[in-house]
Every structure is written in structure tokens, then in C-alpha cells.
N, C-alpha and C. Protein backbone atom coordinates (compact mmCIF):
# COMPACT_ATOMS: atom_id res chain seq x y z
N UNK A 1 178.83 66.21 112.83
CA UNK A 1 179.60 66.82 111.78
C UNK A 1 178.71 66.38 110.37
N UNK A 2 178.64 67.16 109.67
CA UNK A 2 177.87 66.98 108.43
C UNK A 2 179.10 66.40 107.39
N UNK A 3 178.80 65.49 106.42
CA UNK A 3 179.49 65.28 105.69
C UNK A 3 179.02 65.81 104.25
N UNK A 4 179.61 65.80 103.07
CA UNK A 4 178.95 66.31 101.85
C UNK A 4 177.65 66.07 101.09
N UNK A 5 177.68 64.68 101.43
CA UNK A 5 175.99 63.80 101.07
C UNK A 5 175.14 64.85 101.82
N UNK A 6 175.44 64.65 103.13
CA UNK A 6 174.24 65.26 104.02
C UNK A 6 173.94 66.57 103.58
N UNK A 7 175.00 67.45 103.52
CA UNK A 7 174.53 69.14 102.98
C UNK A 7 174.08 69.35 101.61
N UNK A 8 174.43 68.00 100.35
CA UNK A 8 173.86 68.33 99.36
C UNK A 8 172.38 67.58 99.26
N UNK A 9 171.86 66.74 100.43
CA UNK A 9 170.70 66.32 100.75
C UNK A 9 169.87 67.38 101.26
N UNK A 10 170.28 68.22 102.25
CA UNK A 10 169.91 69.05 103.10
C UNK A 10 169.58 70.60 102.30
N UNK A 11 170.55 70.83 101.32
CA UNK A 11 170.51 71.98 100.32
C UNK A 11 169.08 71.29 99.04
N UNK A 12 169.14 70.32 99.12
CA UNK A 12 167.96 69.96 97.86
C UNK A 12 166.80 70.03 98.69
N UNK A 13 166.61 69.59 99.79
CA UNK A 13 165.45 69.52 100.63
C UNK A 13 165.11 70.92 100.88
N UNK A 14 166.02 72.30 101.06
CA UNK A 14 165.60 73.33 101.29
C UNK A 14 165.15 74.01 99.85
N UNK A 15 165.52 73.56 98.56
CA UNK A 15 165.31 73.87 97.53
C UNK A 15 164.05 73.45 96.96
N UNK A 16 163.76 72.42 97.39
CA UNK A 16 162.66 71.44 96.65
C UNK A 16 161.84 70.43 97.87
N UNK A 17 160.96 71.24 98.93
CA UNK A 17 160.82 70.29 100.22
C UNK A 17 160.11 69.19 99.83
N UNK A 18 159.10 69.37 99.00
CA UNK A 18 158.33 68.05 98.49
C UNK A 18 158.85 66.98 97.54
N UNK A 19 160.14 67.10 97.72
CA UNK A 19 161.04 66.04 96.47
C UNK A 19 160.62 64.38 96.91
N UNK A 20 160.69 64.34 98.16
CA UNK A 20 160.46 62.85 98.46
C UNK A 20 161.80 62.21 98.26
N UNK A 21 161.74 61.16 98.83
CA UNK A 21 162.90 60.21 98.82
C UNK A 21 163.19 59.96 97.96
N UNK A 22 162.60 59.47 96.91
CA UNK A 22 162.94 58.62 95.61
C UNK A 22 163.12 59.81 94.69
N UNK A 23 162.54 60.91 94.84
CA UNK A 23 163.26 61.94 94.04
C UNK A 23 164.71 62.44 94.09
N UNK A 24 165.08 62.76 95.45
CA UNK A 24 165.88 63.30 96.24
C UNK A 24 167.15 62.09 95.84
N UNK A 25 166.82 60.38 95.84
CA UNK A 25 168.08 60.04 95.41
C UNK A 25 168.21 59.89 94.02
N UNK A 26 167.45 60.08 93.42
CA UNK A 26 167.39 60.51 91.79
C UNK A 26 168.50 61.43 91.22
N UNK A 27 168.24 62.55 92.38
CA UNK A 27 168.66 63.75 91.93
C UNK A 27 170.00 63.77 92.55
N UNK A 28 170.43 63.18 93.80
CA UNK A 28 172.06 63.00 94.06
C UNK A 28 172.75 62.04 93.93
N UNK A 29 171.69 60.80 92.92
CA UNK A 29 172.50 59.54 92.33
C UNK A 29 172.91 58.77 93.58
N UNK A 30 172.13 58.65 94.42
CA UNK A 30 172.57 57.38 95.41
C UNK A 30 171.17 56.58 95.80
N UNK A 31 171.59 55.52 96.07
CA UNK A 31 170.27 54.66 96.49
C UNK A 31 169.06 55.01 97.44
N UNK A 32 167.78 54.57 97.26
CA UNK A 32 166.77 55.29 97.78
C UNK A 32 167.01 55.18 99.58
N UNK A 33 167.63 53.93 99.88
CA UNK A 33 167.67 53.52 101.05
C UNK A 33 168.78 54.42 101.93
N UNK A 34 169.92 54.73 101.11
CA UNK A 34 170.75 55.94 101.65
C UNK A 34 170.18 57.09 101.92
N UNK A 35 169.54 57.71 100.91
CA UNK A 35 168.70 58.80 101.03
C UNK A 35 167.96 58.45 102.71
N UNK A 36 167.15 57.47 102.93
CA UNK A 36 166.25 57.51 103.98
C UNK A 36 166.95 57.31 104.98
N UNK A 37 168.11 56.61 105.05
CA UNK A 37 168.74 56.07 106.30
C UNK A 37 169.50 57.76 106.72
N UNK A 38 169.80 58.52 105.92
CA UNK A 38 170.50 59.75 106.19
C UNK A 38 169.32 60.72 106.46
N UNK A 39 168.40 60.97 106.21
CA UNK A 39 167.04 61.63 106.87
C UNK A 39 166.66 61.20 108.10
N UNK A 40 166.63 59.56 108.38
CA UNK A 40 166.32 59.03 109.71
C UNK A 40 167.54 59.97 110.81
N UNK A 41 168.67 59.60 110.22
CA UNK A 41 169.92 60.04 111.08
C UNK A 41 169.62 61.40 111.05
N UNK A 42 169.55 62.13 110.44
CA UNK A 42 169.90 63.55 110.79
C UNK A 42 168.54 64.25 111.31
N UNK A 43 167.48 63.52 111.39
CA UNK A 43 166.43 63.66 112.34
C UNK A 43 166.70 63.53 113.77
N UNK A 44 167.23 62.05 113.77
CA UNK A 44 167.82 61.48 115.22
C UNK A 44 168.53 62.61 115.80
N UNK A 45 169.41 62.94 115.11
CA UNK A 45 170.75 64.10 115.72
C UNK A 45 169.94 65.51 115.59
N UNK A 46 168.73 65.84 115.44
CA UNK A 46 168.26 67.24 115.68
C UNK A 46 168.44 68.00 114.72
N UNK A 47 169.15 67.56 113.66
CA UNK A 47 169.49 68.65 112.35
C UNK A 47 168.44 69.00 111.40
N UNK A 48 167.09 68.04 111.22
CA UNK A 48 166.45 68.42 110.59
C UNK A 48 165.12 68.08 112.08
N UNK A 49 164.57 69.53 112.27
CA UNK A 49 163.88 69.75 113.30
C UNK A 49 162.68 69.63 113.08
N UNK A 50 162.32 69.67 112.03
CA UNK A 50 160.52 69.51 111.46
C UNK A 50 160.56 69.54 109.79
N UNK A 51 159.56 68.67 109.57
CA UNK A 51 159.23 68.60 108.18
C UNK A 51 157.97 69.23 108.07
N UNK A 52 157.53 69.97 108.77
CA UNK A 52 155.94 71.09 108.68
C UNK A 52 156.45 71.78 107.71
N UNK A 53 155.29 72.41 107.20
CA UNK A 53 155.47 73.22 106.18
C UNK A 53 155.54 74.64 107.08
N UNK A 54 156.40 75.44 106.13
CA UNK A 54 156.48 76.98 106.81
C UNK A 54 155.11 77.87 106.46
N UNK A 55 154.39 78.51 107.45
CA UNK A 55 153.41 78.90 107.22
C UNK A 55 153.65 80.52 107.04
N UNK A 56 152.78 81.44 106.50
CA UNK A 56 152.81 82.75 106.87
C UNK A 56 152.01 83.41 107.46
N UNK A 57 152.13 83.83 108.95
CA UNK A 57 150.89 84.24 109.55
C UNK A 57 150.25 85.38 108.66
N UNK A 58 150.80 86.10 108.16
CA UNK A 58 150.20 87.32 107.33
C UNK A 58 149.07 86.48 106.31
N UNK A 59 149.30 85.34 105.58
CA UNK A 59 148.55 84.98 104.58
C UNK A 59 147.25 84.19 105.55
N UNK A 60 147.65 83.95 106.78
CA UNK A 60 146.61 83.54 107.86
C UNK A 60 146.05 84.56 108.33
N UNK A 61 145.93 86.03 107.93
CA UNK A 61 144.84 86.93 108.64
C UNK A 61 145.80 87.68 110.01
N UNK A 62 147.33 87.28 109.77
CA UNK A 62 147.98 87.95 111.21
C UNK A 62 149.32 88.96 110.50
N UNK A 63 148.87 89.77 109.78
CA UNK A 63 149.77 90.48 108.99
C UNK A 63 150.83 91.69 109.89
N UNK A 64 150.34 91.73 111.17
CA UNK A 64 151.26 92.50 112.13
C UNK A 64 152.15 91.50 113.09
N UNK A 65 153.23 91.71 112.89
CA UNK A 65 154.43 91.17 113.87
C UNK A 65 155.08 92.11 114.78
N UNK A 66 154.86 91.71 115.92
CA UNK A 66 155.82 92.47 116.97
C UNK A 66 156.60 91.78 118.20
N UNK A 67 157.68 92.16 118.80
CA UNK A 67 158.41 91.64 119.70
C UNK A 67 158.25 92.25 120.78
N UNK A 68 157.83 91.53 121.94
CA UNK A 68 157.83 91.97 122.86
C UNK A 68 159.03 91.57 124.16
N UNK A 69 159.57 92.27 124.42
CA UNK A 69 160.96 92.00 125.66
C UNK A 69 160.18 92.10 127.19
N UNK A 70 160.16 90.91 127.79
CA UNK A 70 159.45 90.84 129.00
C UNK A 70 160.47 90.74 130.29
N UNK A 71 160.04 91.40 131.22
CA UNK A 71 161.30 91.38 132.59
C UNK A 71 160.30 90.49 133.45
N UNK A 72 160.52 89.55 134.02
CA UNK A 72 159.57 88.63 134.70
C UNK A 72 160.52 88.35 136.14
N UNK A 73 159.49 88.05 137.38
CA UNK A 73 160.07 87.95 138.62
C UNK A 73 160.72 85.92 138.05
N UNK A 74 162.00 86.13 138.38
CA UNK A 74 162.86 84.85 137.87
C UNK A 74 162.89 83.78 139.08
N UNK A 75 162.26 84.33 140.24
CA UNK A 75 162.40 83.40 141.19
C UNK A 75 161.39 82.28 141.09
N UNK A 76 160.77 82.41 140.22
CA UNK A 76 159.37 81.73 139.90
C UNK A 76 159.87 80.70 138.65
N UNK A 77 160.94 81.05 138.26
CA UNK A 77 161.79 79.99 137.06
C UNK A 77 160.92 80.43 135.73
N UNK A 78 160.82 79.59 134.81
CA UNK A 78 160.59 80.11 133.31
C UNK A 78 159.29 79.19 133.23
N UNK A 79 159.33 77.81 133.78
CA UNK A 79 157.91 77.16 133.43
C UNK A 79 156.55 77.98 133.55
N UNK A 80 156.24 78.57 134.30
CA UNK A 80 154.61 79.04 134.45
C UNK A 80 154.49 79.97 133.50
N UNK A 81 155.44 80.93 132.97
CA UNK A 81 155.06 82.24 132.41
C UNK A 81 155.32 81.34 130.67
N UNK A 82 155.99 80.42 130.59
CA UNK A 82 156.13 80.01 129.34
C UNK A 82 154.48 79.08 129.14
N UNK A 83 154.42 78.61 129.92
CA UNK A 83 152.67 77.95 129.79
C UNK A 83 152.00 78.96 129.53
N UNK A 84 151.72 80.09 130.62
CA UNK A 84 150.95 81.14 130.15
C UNK A 84 151.10 81.72 128.75
N UNK A 85 152.31 81.84 127.96
CA UNK A 85 152.10 82.27 127.01
C UNK A 85 151.95 81.33 125.75
N UNK A 86 152.48 80.08 126.05
CA UNK A 86 151.88 78.99 124.94
C UNK A 86 150.36 78.94 124.72
N UNK A 87 149.61 79.22 125.74
CA UNK A 87 148.21 79.19 125.54
C UNK A 87 147.89 80.18 124.78
N UNK A 88 148.65 81.28 124.45
CA UNK A 88 148.15 82.21 123.77
C UNK A 88 148.54 81.79 122.20
N UNK A 89 147.57 81.81 121.04
CA UNK A 89 147.89 81.50 119.61
C UNK A 89 148.81 82.20 119.15
N UNK A 90 148.40 83.52 119.44
CA UNK A 90 149.33 84.48 118.68
C UNK A 90 150.85 84.75 119.04
N UNK A 91 151.13 84.03 120.23
CA UNK A 91 152.73 84.04 120.43
C UNK A 91 153.38 82.78 119.77
N UNK A 92 154.20 83.09 118.92
CA UNK A 92 154.89 82.37 118.07
C UNK A 92 156.32 81.74 118.26
N UNK A 93 157.10 82.56 119.18
CA UNK A 93 158.11 82.09 119.68
C UNK A 93 158.61 83.07 121.15
N UNK A 94 159.32 82.23 121.91
CA UNK A 94 160.07 82.71 122.89
C UNK A 94 161.33 82.15 123.20
N UNK A 95 162.30 83.07 123.30
CA UNK A 95 163.74 82.89 123.82
C UNK A 95 164.06 83.52 125.18
N UNK A 96 164.85 83.08 125.96
CA UNK A 96 165.31 83.91 126.83
C UNK A 96 166.73 84.31 126.91
N UNK A 97 166.56 85.92 127.21
CA UNK A 97 167.68 86.67 126.56
C UNK A 97 168.98 87.18 127.97
N UNK A 98 169.37 87.97 127.39
CA UNK A 98 170.74 88.62 128.25
C UNK A 98 170.06 89.99 128.33
N UNK A 99 170.61 90.86 128.98
CA UNK A 99 170.15 92.48 128.72
C UNK A 99 169.03 92.92 129.76
N UNK A 100 168.46 93.84 129.34
CA UNK A 100 167.43 94.48 129.94
C UNK A 100 166.18 93.68 130.36
N UNK A 101 166.06 92.64 129.75
CA UNK A 101 164.69 91.67 129.84
C UNK A 101 165.17 90.54 129.79
N UNK A 102 164.08 89.68 130.07
CA UNK A 102 164.30 88.15 130.61
C UNK A 102 163.75 87.32 129.20
N UNK A 103 162.80 88.02 128.58
CA UNK A 103 162.52 86.73 127.59
C UNK A 103 161.80 87.82 126.36
N UNK A 104 162.12 87.08 125.28
CA UNK A 104 161.84 87.66 123.80
C UNK A 104 160.70 86.80 123.20
N UNK A 105 159.70 87.67 123.12
CA UNK A 105 158.55 87.01 122.55
C UNK A 105 158.38 87.66 121.19
N UNK A 106 157.82 86.68 120.25
CA UNK A 106 157.36 87.12 118.97
C UNK A 106 156.01 86.79 118.75
N UNK A 107 155.00 88.07 118.87
CA UNK A 107 153.62 87.51 118.32
C UNK A 107 153.25 88.48 116.93
N UNK A 108 151.77 87.93 117.00
CA UNK A 108 151.38 88.39 115.43
C UNK A 108 149.89 88.33 115.90
N UNK A 109 149.11 89.80 115.29
CA UNK A 109 148.17 90.15 115.46
C UNK A 109 147.72 90.26 114.10
N UNK A 110 145.98 90.61 113.95
CA UNK A 110 145.40 91.13 112.87
C UNK A 110 145.50 92.52 112.28
N UNK A 111 145.82 93.44 113.39
CA UNK A 111 145.74 94.82 113.17
C UNK A 111 146.60 95.29 114.77
N UNK A 112 146.56 96.95 114.67
CA UNK A 112 147.27 97.49 115.88
C UNK A 112 146.17 97.22 117.08
N UNK A 113 144.96 97.21 116.73
CA UNK A 113 143.93 96.71 118.12
C UNK A 113 143.85 95.80 118.45
N UNK A 114 144.19 94.61 117.58
CA UNK A 114 144.12 92.89 117.99
C UNK A 114 145.58 93.23 118.80
N UNK A 115 146.93 93.66 118.39
CA UNK A 115 148.21 93.48 119.14
C UNK A 115 148.09 94.06 120.57
N UNK A 116 146.83 94.96 120.60
CA UNK A 116 146.90 95.72 121.70
C UNK A 116 146.28 94.47 122.83
N UNK A 117 145.04 93.77 122.28
CA UNK A 117 144.66 92.80 123.13
C UNK A 117 145.56 91.19 123.01
N UNK A 118 146.59 91.14 121.94
CA UNK A 118 147.55 90.33 122.69
C UNK A 118 148.46 90.60 123.72
N UNK A 119 148.92 91.79 123.56
CA UNK A 119 149.74 92.59 124.74
C UNK A 119 149.30 92.31 126.09
N UNK A 120 148.00 92.63 126.05
CA UNK A 120 147.29 92.95 127.23
C UNK A 120 146.91 90.99 127.69
N UNK A 121 146.89 90.20 126.92
CA UNK A 121 146.93 88.80 127.33
C UNK A 121 148.67 88.68 127.75
N UNK A 122 149.56 88.63 126.94
CA UNK A 122 150.80 88.45 127.28
C UNK A 122 151.12 88.85 128.68
N UNK A 123 150.90 90.28 129.25
CA UNK A 123 151.43 90.86 130.48
C UNK A 123 150.56 90.24 131.66
N UNK A 124 149.46 89.76 131.41
CA UNK A 124 148.25 89.50 132.04
C UNK A 124 148.84 88.82 133.24
N UNK A 125 150.02 88.19 133.14
CA UNK A 125 150.34 87.27 134.14
C UNK A 125 151.29 88.00 134.92
N UNK A 126 150.81 87.56 136.28
CA UNK A 126 151.57 88.55 137.37
C UNK A 126 153.24 88.10 137.82
N UNK A 127 153.61 87.23 136.86
CA UNK A 127 155.20 86.94 136.80
C UNK A 127 155.72 88.11 135.93
N UNK A 128 154.98 88.74 135.16
CA UNK A 128 155.79 89.80 134.27
C UNK A 128 155.51 91.23 134.92
N UNK A 129 156.69 91.63 135.24
CA UNK A 129 157.26 92.81 135.67
C UNK A 129 157.18 94.04 134.92
N UNK A 130 157.59 94.04 133.67
CA UNK A 130 157.57 94.92 132.85
C UNK A 130 157.84 94.36 131.37
N UNK A 131 157.19 95.20 130.28
CA UNK A 131 157.42 94.74 129.22
C UNK A 131 157.36 95.97 128.26
N UNK A 132 158.09 95.65 126.98
CA UNK A 132 158.35 96.61 126.24
C UNK A 132 158.00 96.21 124.63
N UNK A 133 157.62 96.65 123.87
CA UNK A 133 156.92 96.05 122.64
C UNK A 133 157.15 96.71 121.20
N UNK A 134 157.98 96.32 120.44
CA UNK A 134 158.33 97.01 119.09
C UNK A 134 157.55 96.34 118.15
N UNK A 135 157.10 97.01 117.12
CA UNK A 135 156.35 96.40 115.94
C UNK A 135 157.21 96.62 114.55
N UNK A 136 157.34 95.16 113.95
CA UNK A 136 158.00 95.22 113.06
C UNK A 136 157.38 95.77 111.61
N UNK A 137 157.97 96.74 111.22
CA UNK A 137 157.66 97.53 109.63
C UNK A 137 157.54 96.49 108.53
N UNK A 138 158.78 96.02 108.34
CA UNK A 138 159.15 94.82 107.14
C UNK A 138 160.10 93.95 107.52
N UNK A 139 159.83 92.84 106.97
CA UNK A 139 160.79 91.38 106.97
C UNK A 139 161.78 91.93 105.72
N UNK A 140 162.70 91.96 106.16
CA UNK A 140 163.80 92.43 105.17
C UNK A 140 164.56 91.07 104.73
N UNK A 141 164.69 90.06 105.74
CA UNK A 141 165.40 88.79 105.50
C UNK A 141 164.62 87.55 106.48
N UNK A 142 163.97 87.09 105.81
CA UNK A 142 163.22 86.04 106.62
C UNK A 142 164.20 84.74 107.28
N UNK A 143 163.28 84.14 108.27
CA UNK A 143 164.26 83.38 109.11
C UNK A 143 164.82 82.33 108.07
N UNK A 144 166.21 81.90 108.03
CA UNK A 144 166.90 81.17 106.97
C UNK A 144 168.08 80.38 107.86
N UNK A 145 168.51 79.29 107.24
CA UNK A 145 169.30 78.15 107.90
C UNK A 145 170.16 77.76 106.56
N UNK A 146 169.77 78.11 105.22
CA UNK A 146 170.63 77.74 104.11
C UNK A 146 171.95 78.48 104.04
N UNK A 147 171.89 79.42 104.55
CA UNK A 147 173.25 80.09 104.37
C UNK A 147 174.52 79.30 105.22
N UNK A 148 173.93 78.87 106.50
CA UNK A 148 174.61 78.36 107.70
C UNK A 148 175.17 77.03 107.07
N UNK A 149 174.23 76.31 106.00
CA UNK A 149 174.39 75.07 105.63
C UNK A 149 175.45 75.24 104.67
N UNK A 150 175.30 76.06 103.84
CA UNK A 150 176.50 76.26 102.65
C UNK A 150 177.57 76.62 103.40
N UNK A 151 177.82 77.44 104.58
CA UNK A 151 179.25 77.71 105.00
C UNK A 151 179.61 76.74 105.82
N UNK A 152 178.72 75.64 106.31
CA UNK A 152 179.21 74.36 106.86
C UNK A 152 180.19 73.82 106.05
N UNK A 153 180.31 73.74 104.84
CA UNK A 153 181.17 72.78 104.31
C UNK A 153 182.24 73.75 103.47
N UNK A 154 182.30 74.98 103.92
CA UNK A 154 182.89 75.79 102.89
C UNK A 154 184.19 75.94 103.77
N UNK A 155 185.56 76.16 103.07
CA UNK A 155 187.03 76.46 104.05
C UNK A 155 186.71 77.76 104.73
N UNK A 156 186.87 77.54 106.13
CA UNK A 156 186.99 79.03 107.02
C UNK A 156 187.99 80.00 106.18
N UNK A 157 187.63 80.96 105.93
CA UNK A 157 188.65 82.27 106.02
C UNK A 157 188.96 83.15 107.20
N UNK A 158 190.30 83.43 107.52
CA UNK A 158 190.57 84.05 108.50
C UNK A 158 190.79 85.42 107.97
N UNK A 159 190.58 86.32 109.24
CA UNK A 159 190.39 87.84 108.99
C UNK A 159 191.53 88.30 110.01
């Protein structure tokens, strides 16, 4: 569970990722060692999953985003197909899902013709039995976690 200082620290890092330990300690009014120990603990617990910068595929030359739903031969498990997909640089994310498909794969491409090339690579593995792809037209709400963090410290409202 997060306490108030953890939440304030995480909100500060979300607002200003480059603030550093010293800057965070000054803004939060706590000792530098306190901030460092909190960060270490949050990393160990997996609350902070990465300190890598958030990159924009579009700015890197991949403005097309698509989502592929894959049905796979499940008797072989997920390991081999995940290894296959991981080898494709344009595959950004893989989730197992319920429903009609087995895997939900987020991919990027340079244009629609390039997207066809990426899809061909994705379905090249014999474990893929069926696929369906949709192209994202616009990102209306980017991946976020700040709202969850803010809600974590808020009192629950019953409806």
C-alpha cells in the first residue's frame, strides 16, 4: 500500500520526471535519503516499473498504430509465439486476452503498406491460426497511470 509521501513523490515524478532525488527532496520537504529509500522500495515492489523515457513511435517515423487480435494453437503455449513476436521491432506490446482471440498485439508501422509487411511478419508463425487487425485513427487518451495514483489516496465513493 502507498502512503501519502509515496503518492506525493510519484505524482511529482509524473509531473517532472527529470527532477532527481535532490530536487524531489527539496520540493517535498524531506531528506534526500528519505526520497532515495522510498524510490528504492517502490522499484523493488514493482510500483516504479521503469525510469526509461517515454518514446513516441510517430516521432521515430512510425505514425501508424494498429492492434492485431491473434488466435493461436494454444497446445504449444505462449513462449514460442512471444519469442517470434518479440523479434519484430514494430511489435510494441503483447497481452493475453479472453474472448474470440488469444493475444492482443499493438504494432506500429511507417505507413499502410509497411503495416501490411508487419502483419505478414506477425502471422508468419505457424502457431497463428487466425488474425484480425484494426488501425488506430487517433489517440484520444494516451497510456496513463496518474489518475489511478490520484484515486489511490482518495476516499472511495459508493454508488
